[in-house]
């Protein structure tokens, strides 16, 4: 972190400050055998299902309206 400060890049300094603020969490991520990866995977799956469902109603409505249109008789 000291070496990163020497570059004097604002984004890099901000990153280093964030690590310093959460230094206990950073240390725990290396020493603990537990992680929240399983939970993050479940959340990602739920969000994917939610995204897929957004357009479903519109497609069904379009199909229903097309099938119920009266065909003009000649």
C-alpha atoms as a PDB file:
ATOM      1  CA  UNK A   1       0.000   0.000   0.000  1.00  0.00           C
ATOM      2  CA  UNK A   2       2.920   2.311   0.647  1.00  0.00           C
ATOM      3  CA  UNK A   3       4.273   1.659  -2.845  1.00  0.00           C
ATOM      4  CA  UNK A   4       0.850   2.402  -4.362  1.00  0.00           C
ATOM      5  CA  UNK A   5       0.803   5.781  -2.580  1.00  0.00           C
ATOM      6  CA  UNK A   6       4.101   6.725  -4.262  1.00  0.00           C
ATOM      7  CA  UNK A   7       2.435   6.695  -7.706  1.00  0.00           C
ATOM      8  CA  UNK A   8       0.106   9.514  -6.573  1.00  0.00           C
ATOM      9  CA  UNK A   9      -2.805   8.308  -8.750  1.00  0.00           C
ATOM     10  CA  UNK A  10      -6.146   9.490  -7.263  1.00  0.00           C
ATOM     11  CA  UNK A  11      -8.036   6.286  -8.128  1.00  0.00           C
ATOM     12  CA  UNK A  12      -5.300   4.116  -6.661  1.00  0.00           C
ATOM     13  CA  UNK A  13      -5.164   6.271  -3.522  1.00  0.00           C
ATOM     14  CA  UNK A  14      -8.939   5.921  -3.141  1.00  0.00           C
ATOM     15  CA  UNK A  15      -8.612   2.131  -3.436  1.00  0.00           C
ATOM     16  CA  UNK A  16      -5.877   2.064  -0.788  1.00  0.00           C
ATOM     17  CA  UNK A  17      -7.991   4.233   1.528  1.00  0.00           C
ATOM     18  CA  UNK A  18     -10.881   1.778   1.138  1.00  0.00           C
ATOM     19  CA  UNK A  19      -8.631  -1.127   2.054  1.00  0.00           C
ATOM     20  CA  UNK A  20      -7.340   0.743   5.103  1.00  0.00           C
ATOM     21  CA  UNK A  21     -10.905   1.495   6.253  1.00  0.00           C
ATOM     22  CA  UNK A  22     -11.875  -2.187   6.018  1.00  0.00           C
ATOM     23  CA  UNK A  23      -8.523  -3.726   6.961  1.00  0.00           C
ATOM     24  CA  UNK A  24     -10.131  -6.198   9.387  1.00  0.00           C
ATOM     25  CA  UNK A  25     -12.467  -7.503   6.678  1.00  0.00           C
ATOM     26  CA  UNK A  26      -9.592  -7.774   4.219  1.00  0.00           C
ATOM     27  CA  UNK A  27      -7.527  -9.780   6.713  1.00  0.00           C
ATOM     28  CA  UNK A  28     -10.505 -12.054   7.482  1.00  0.00           C
ATOM     29  CA  UNK A  29     -10.982 -12.788   3.789  1.00  0.00           C
ATOM     30  CA  UNK A  30      -7.521 -14.370   3.732  1.00  0.00           C
ATOM     31  CA  UNK A  31      -7.716 -16.210   7.053  1.00  0.00           C
ATOM     32  CA  UNK A  32     -11.343 -17.419   7.179  1.00  0.00           C
ATOM     33  CA  UNK A  33     -12.491 -20.503   5.335  1.00  0.00           C
ATOM     34  CA  UNK A  34     -16.019 -19.060   5.022  1.00  0.00           C
ATOM     35  CA  UNK A  35     -17.212 -16.865   2.169  1.00  0.00           C
ATOM     36  CA  UNK A  36     -20.502 -15.510   0.882  1.00  0.00           C
ATOM     37  CA  UNK A  37     -20.014 -17.014  -2.581  1.00  0.00           C
ATOM     38  CA  UNK A  38     -22.949 -19.415  -2.294  1.00  0.00           C
ATOM     39  CA  UNK A  39     -25.311 -16.619  -1.284  1.00  0.00           C
ATOM     40  CA  UNK A  40     -24.066 -14.358  -4.088  1.00  0.00           C
ATOM     41  CA  UNK A  41     -24.694 -17.186  -6.571  1.00  0.00           C
ATOM     42  CA  UNK A  42     -28.281 -17.603  -5.359  1.00  0.00           C
ATOM     43  CA  UNK A  43     -28.929 -13.871  -5.602  1.00  0.00           C
ATOM     44  CA  UNK A  44     -27.516 -13.827  -9.135  1.00  0.00           C
ATOM     45  CA  UNK A  45     -29.816 -16.679 -10.145  1.00  0.00           C
ATOM     46  CA  UNK A  46     -32.913 -14.946  -8.740  1.00  0.00           C
ATOM     47  CA  UNK A  47     -32.018 -11.699 -10.506  1.00  0.00           C
ATOM     48  CA  UNK A  48     -31.551 -13.576 -13.782  1.00  0.00           C
ATOM     49  CA  UNK A  49     -34.995 -15.166 -13.473  1.00  0.00           C
ATOM     50  CA  UNK A  50     -36.477 -11.752 -12.678  1.00  0.00           C
ATOM     51  CA  UNK A  51     -34.846 -10.208 -15.764  1.00  0.00           C
ATOM     52  CA  UNK A  52     -36.141 -13.008 -17.994  1.00  0.00           C
ATOM     53  CA  UNK A  53     -39.693 -12.512 -16.739  1.00  0.00           C
ATOM     54  CA  UNK A  54     -39.910  -8.824 -17.659  1.00  0.00           C
ATOM     55  CA  UNK A  55     -40.879  -9.326 -21.304  1.00  0.00           C
ATOM     56  CA  UNK A  56     -42.983 -12.474 -20.870  1.00  0.00           C
ATOM     57  CA  UNK A  57     -46.330 -10.764 -20.429  1.00  0.00           C
ATOM     58  CA  UNK A  58     -45.922  -8.631 -23.527  1.00  0.00           C
ATOM     59  CA  UNK A  59     -45.216 -11.613 -25.756  1.00  0.00           C
ATOM     60  CA  UNK A  60     -48.231 -13.487 -24.439  1.00  0.00           C
ATOM     61  CA  UNK A  61     -50.459 -10.458 -24.933  1.00  0.00           C
ATOM     62  CA  UNK A  62     -49.265 -10.072 -28.511  1.00  0.00           C
ATOM     63  CA  UNK A  63     -49.935 -13.726 -29.259  1.00  0.00           C
ATOM     64  CA  UNK A  64     -53.426 -13.553 -27.760  1.00  0.00           C
ATOM     65  CA  UNK A  65     -54.378 -10.404 -29.643  1.00  0.00           C
ATOM     66  CA  UNK A  66     -53.178 -11.885 -32.926  1.00  0.00           C
ATOM     67  CA  UNK A  67     -55.157 -15.082 -32.406  1.00  0.00           C
ATOM     68  CA  UNK A  68     -58.358 -13.225 -31.494  1.00  0.00           C
ATOM     69  CA  UNK A  69     -58.361 -10.776 -34.395  1.00  0.00           C
ATOM     70  CA  UNK A  70     -61.277 -11.258 -36.681  1.00  0.00           C
ATOM     71  CA  UNK A  71     -60.382 -12.079 -40.223  1.00  0.00           C
ATOM     72  CA  UNK A  72     -62.270  -9.833 -42.630  1.00  0.00           C
ATOM     73  CA  UNK A  73     -64.652 -11.799 -44.804  1.00  0.00           C
ATOM     74  CA  UNK A  74     -64.949 -10.993 -48.470  1.00  0.00           C
END
